[in-house]
Amino acid sequence: MARVLIIEDDVEIAALEREALQAEGHAVEVAEDGPTGVLAAQHFQPDVIVLDVSLPLFDGNAVLFGLQLNPTLRSIPVIIVSGQPGRLEGRSNEHVARVLHKPFELRDLAEAVEELATSQSA
């Protein structure tokens, strides 16, 4: 079981992602915007972060930058789920473990989380 933080402003997509990951036995928290997501990462200490690029307040680039500033968060693998992954800035891409293009299959998300969580614990 992994601890997964989903940072997603679309409530329906976040609910689908949460349900799919909880069905696989993962502990899941959801944040609906960038600043809340960075704070949630500090408190929840997830094994994997699922991040949308287009977010209110801070976009995905700002969230990635915020994660990199914190030594306890910078090594957490990030899965980008976005209809516009090209909006990631070049420097942000180097910290992304996976990219899933919306629409994506929930099983692909679950497999990516499992693989990254397993590699983190190894």
C-alpha atoms as a PDB file:
ATOM      1  CA  MET A   1       0.000   0.000   0.000  1.00  0.00           C
ATOM      2  CA  ALA A   2       1.273   3.441  -0.930  1.00  0.00           C
ATOM      3  CA  ARG A   3       0.369   6.892   0.314  1.00  0.00           C
ATOM      4  CA  VAL A   4      -0.793   8.888  -2.717  1.00  0.00           C
ATOM      5  CA  LEU A   5      -1.524  12.597  -2.966  1.00  0.00           C
ATOM      6  CA  ILE A   6      -3.706  13.684  -5.877  1.00  0.00           C
ATOM      7  CA  ILE A   7      -3.492  17.383  -6.797  1.00  0.00           C
ATOM      8  CA  GLU A   8      -6.394  17.913  -9.186  1.00  0.00           C
ATOM      9  CA  ASP A   9      -8.939  20.736  -9.477  1.00  0.00           C
ATOM     10  CA  ASP A  10     -11.552  18.746 -11.423  1.00  0.00           C
ATOM     11  CA  VAL A  11     -13.627  17.176  -8.648  1.00  0.00           C
ATOM     12  CA  GLU A  12     -14.968  14.365 -10.852  1.00  0.00           C
ATOM     13  CA  ILE A  13     -11.533  13.336 -12.119  1.00  0.00           C
ATOM     14  CA  ALA A  14     -10.099  13.500  -8.586  1.00  0.00           C
ATOM     15  CA  ALA A  15     -12.931  11.280  -7.307  1.00  0.00           C
ATOM     16  CA  LEU A  16     -12.352   8.706 -10.061  1.00  0.00           C
ATOM     17  CA  GLU A  17      -8.606   8.670  -9.399  1.00  0.00           C
ATOM     18  CA  ARG A  18      -9.158   8.389  -5.636  1.00  0.00           C
ATOM     19  CA  GLU A  19     -11.639   5.516  -5.985  1.00  0.00           C
ATOM     20  CA  ALA A  20      -9.397   3.604  -8.400  1.00  0.00           C
ATOM     21  CA  LEU A  21      -6.345   3.947  -6.159  1.00  0.00           C
ATOM     22  CA  GLN A  22      -8.235   3.155  -2.953  1.00  0.00           C
ATOM     23  CA  ALA A  23      -9.610   0.023  -4.643  1.00  0.00           C
ATOM     24  CA  GLU A  24      -5.962  -1.041  -5.038  1.00  0.00           C
ATOM     25  CA  GLY A  25      -5.418  -0.551  -1.297  1.00  0.00           C
ATOM     26  CA  HIS A  26      -3.653   2.811  -1.367  1.00  0.00           C
ATOM     27  CA  ALA A  27      -4.189   5.593   1.172  1.00  0.00           C
ATOM     28  CA  VAL A  28      -5.235   8.649  -0.837  1.00  0.00           C
ATOM     29  CA  GLU A  29      -5.536  12.360  -0.073  1.00  0.00           C
ATOM     30  CA  VAL A  30      -6.800  14.981  -2.541  1.00  0.00           C
ATOM     31  CA  ALA A  31      -5.908  18.678  -2.875  1.00  0.00           C
ATOM     32  CA  GLU A  32      -7.839  20.917  -5.276  1.00  0.00           C
ATOM     33  CA  ASP A  33      -5.218  23.592  -5.971  1.00  0.00           C
ATOM     34  CA  GLY A  34      -1.463  24.087  -6.041  1.00  0.00           C
ATOM     35  CA  PRO A  35      -0.827  25.773  -2.670  1.00  0.00           C
ATOM     36  CA  THR A  36      -3.060  23.287  -0.860  1.00  0.00           C
ATOM     37  CA  GLY A  37      -1.262  20.479  -2.671  1.00  0.00           C
ATOM     38  CA  VAL A  38       2.196  21.577  -1.531  1.00  0.00           C
ATOM     39  CA  LEU A  39       0.957  21.934   2.068  1.00  0.00           C
ATOM     40  CA  ALA A  40      -0.765  18.547   1.891  1.00  0.00           C
ATOM     41  CA  ALA A  41       2.474  16.974   0.658  1.00  0.00           C
ATOM     42  CA  GLN A  42       4.297  18.356   3.699  1.00  0.00           C
ATOM     43  CA  HIS A  43       1.718  16.970   6.133  1.00  0.00           C
ATOM     44  CA  PHE A  44       0.773  13.701   4.393  1.00  0.00           C
ATOM     45  CA  GLN A  45       4.294  12.741   3.215  1.00  0.00           C
ATOM     46  CA  PRO A  46       3.061  10.725   0.214  1.00  0.00           C
ATOM     47  CA  ASP A  47       5.012   8.014  -1.555  1.00  0.00           C
ATOM     48  CA  VAL A  48       3.707   9.248  -4.940  1.00  0.00           C
ATOM     49  CA  ILE A  49       2.080  12.488  -6.130  1.00  0.00           C
ATOM     50  CA  VAL A  50      -0.438  12.585  -8.983  1.00  0.00           C
ATOM     51  CA  LEU A  51      -0.399  16.128 -10.376  1.00  0.00           C
ATOM     52  CA  ASP A  52      -2.526  17.981 -12.912  1.00  0.00           C
ATOM     53  CA  VAL A  53      -0.712  20.748 -14.814  1.00  0.00           C
ATOM     54  CA  SER A  54      -3.616  23.213 -15.123  1.00  0.00           C
ATOM     55  CA  LEU A  55      -4.471  24.209 -11.560  1.00  0.00           C
ATOM     56  CA  PRO A  56      -5.861  27.325  -9.922  1.00  0.00           C
ATOM     57  CA  LEU A  57      -3.503  29.614  -7.982  1.00  0.00           C
ATOM     58  CA  PHE A  58      -0.265  27.639  -8.675  1.00  0.00           C
ATOM     59  CA  ASP A  59      -0.039  25.611 -11.866  1.00  0.00           C
ATOM     60  CA  GLY A  60       1.803  22.293 -12.037  1.00  0.00           C
ATOM     61  CA  ASN A  61       5.122  24.044 -12.704  1.00  0.00           C
ATOM     62  CA  ALA A  62       4.809  26.073  -9.498  1.00  0.00           C
ATOM     63  CA  VAL A  63       3.866  22.953  -7.533  1.00  0.00           C
ATOM     64  CA  LEU A  64       6.916  21.097  -8.859  1.00  0.00           C
ATOM     65  CA  PHE A  65       9.088  24.084  -7.938  1.00  0.00           C
ATOM     66  CA  GLY A  66       7.591  24.146  -4.430  1.00  0.00           C
ATOM     67  CA  LEU A  67       8.252  20.439  -3.998  1.00  0.00           C
ATOM     68  CA  GLN A  68      11.856  20.866  -5.119  1.00  0.00           C
ATOM     69  CA  LEU A  69      12.449  23.585  -2.525  1.00  0.00           C
ATOM     70  CA  ASN A  70      11.643  21.206   0.312  1.00  0.00           C
ATOM     71  CA  PRO A  71      14.309  18.543   0.968  1.00  0.00           C
ATOM     72  CA  THR A  72      11.738  16.116   2.413  1.00  0.00           C
ATOM     73  CA  LEU A  73       9.532  16.366  -0.702  1.00  0.00           C
ATOM     74  CA  ARG A  74      11.948  16.636  -3.613  1.00  0.00           C
ATOM     75  CA  SER A  75      12.509  12.900  -4.015  1.00  0.00           C
ATOM     76  CA  ILE A  76       8.806  11.993  -4.171  1.00  0.00           C
ATOM     77  CA  PRO A  77       7.992  10.676  -7.651  1.00  0.00           C
ATOM     78  CA  VAL A  78       5.405  12.745  -9.527  1.00  0.00           C
ATOM     79  CA  ILE A  79       2.957  11.442 -12.109  1.00  0.00           C
ATOM     80  CA  ILE A  80       1.626  14.195 -14.358  1.00  0.00           C
ATOM     81  CA  VAL A  81      -1.959  13.678 -15.548  1.00  0.00           C
ATOM     82  CA  SER A  82      -2.899  16.380 -18.000  1.00  0.00           C
ATOM     83  CA  GLY A  83      -4.584  17.178 -21.260  1.00  0.00           C
ATOM     84  CA  GLN A  84      -1.816  19.758 -21.779  1.00  0.00           C
ATOM     85  CA  PRO A  85       1.482  18.211 -20.619  1.00  0.00           C
ATOM     86  CA  GLY A  86       3.312  20.525 -23.026  1.00  0.00           C
ATOM     87  CA  ARG A  87       2.655  23.322 -20.521  1.00  0.00           C
ATOM     88  CA  LEU A  88       5.342  21.881 -18.274  1.00  0.00           C
ATOM     89  CA  GLU A  89       8.441  24.016 -18.334  1.00  0.00           C
ATOM     90  CA  GLY A  90      11.704  22.363 -19.319  1.00  0.00           C
ATOM     91  CA  ARG A  91      13.236  22.425 -15.860  1.00  0.00           C
ATOM     92  CA  SER A  92      10.059  20.955 -14.375  1.00  0.00           C
ATOM     93  CA  ASN A  93      10.166  17.912 -16.655  1.00  0.00           C
ATOM     94  CA  GLU A  94      13.309  16.529 -15.047  1.00  0.00           C
ATOM     95  CA  HIS A  95      11.413  15.907 -11.790  1.00  0.00           C
ATOM     96  CA  VAL A  96       8.507  14.056 -13.391  1.00  0.00           C
ATOM     97  CA  ALA A  97       8.531  10.255 -13.186  1.00  0.00           C
ATOM     98  CA  ARG A  98       5.580   9.615 -15.556  1.00  0.00           C
ATOM     99  CA  VAL A  99       3.168  11.497 -17.798  1.00  0.00           C
ATOM    100  CA  LEU A 100      -0.365  10.261 -18.475  1.00  0.00           C
ATOM    101  CA  HIS A 101      -2.299  12.189 -21.104  1.00  0.00           C
ATOM    102  CA  LYS A 102      -5.966  12.890 -20.380  1.00  0.00           C
ATOM    103  CA  PRO A 103      -8.067  10.985 -21.071  1.00  0.00           C
ATOM    104  CA  PHE A 104      -6.191   8.007 -19.644  1.00  0.00           C
ATOM    105  CA  GLU A 105      -7.118   4.578 -18.340  1.00  0.00           C
ATOM    106  CA  LEU A 106      -7.427   4.344 -14.558  1.00  0.00           C
ATOM    107  CA  ARG A 107      -5.584   1.017 -14.648  1.00  0.00           C
ATOM    108  CA  ASP A 108      -2.603   2.848 -16.207  1.00  0.00           C
ATOM    109  CA  LEU A 109      -2.614   5.265 -13.275  1.00  0.00           C
ATOM    110  CA  ALA A 110      -2.836   2.422 -10.751  1.00  0.00           C
ATOM    111  CA  GLU A 111       0.032   0.569 -12.462  1.00  0.00           C
ATOM    112  CA  ALA A 112       2.223   3.692 -12.507  1.00  0.00           C
ATOM    113  CA  VAL A 113       1.550   4.367  -8.816  1.00  0.00           C
ATOM    114  CA  GLU A 114       2.343   0.756  -7.916  1.00  0.00           C
ATOM    115  CA  GLU A 115       5.563   0.742  -9.928  1.00  0.00           C
ATOM    116  CA  LEU A 116       6.803   4.055  -8.516  1.00  0.00           C
ATOM    117  CA  ALA A 117       5.832   3.225  -4.936  1.00  0.00           C
ATOM    118  CA  THR A 118       7.627  -0.115  -5.218  1.00  0.00           C
ATOM    119  CA  SER A 119      10.774   1.510  -6.626  1.00  0.00           C
ATOM    120  CA  GLN A 120      10.741   4.075  -3.783  1.00  0.00           C
ATOM    121  CA  SER A 121      10.639   1.390  -1.116  1.00  0.00           C
ATOM    122  CA  ALA A 122      13.347  -0.730  -2.762  1.00  0.00           C
END
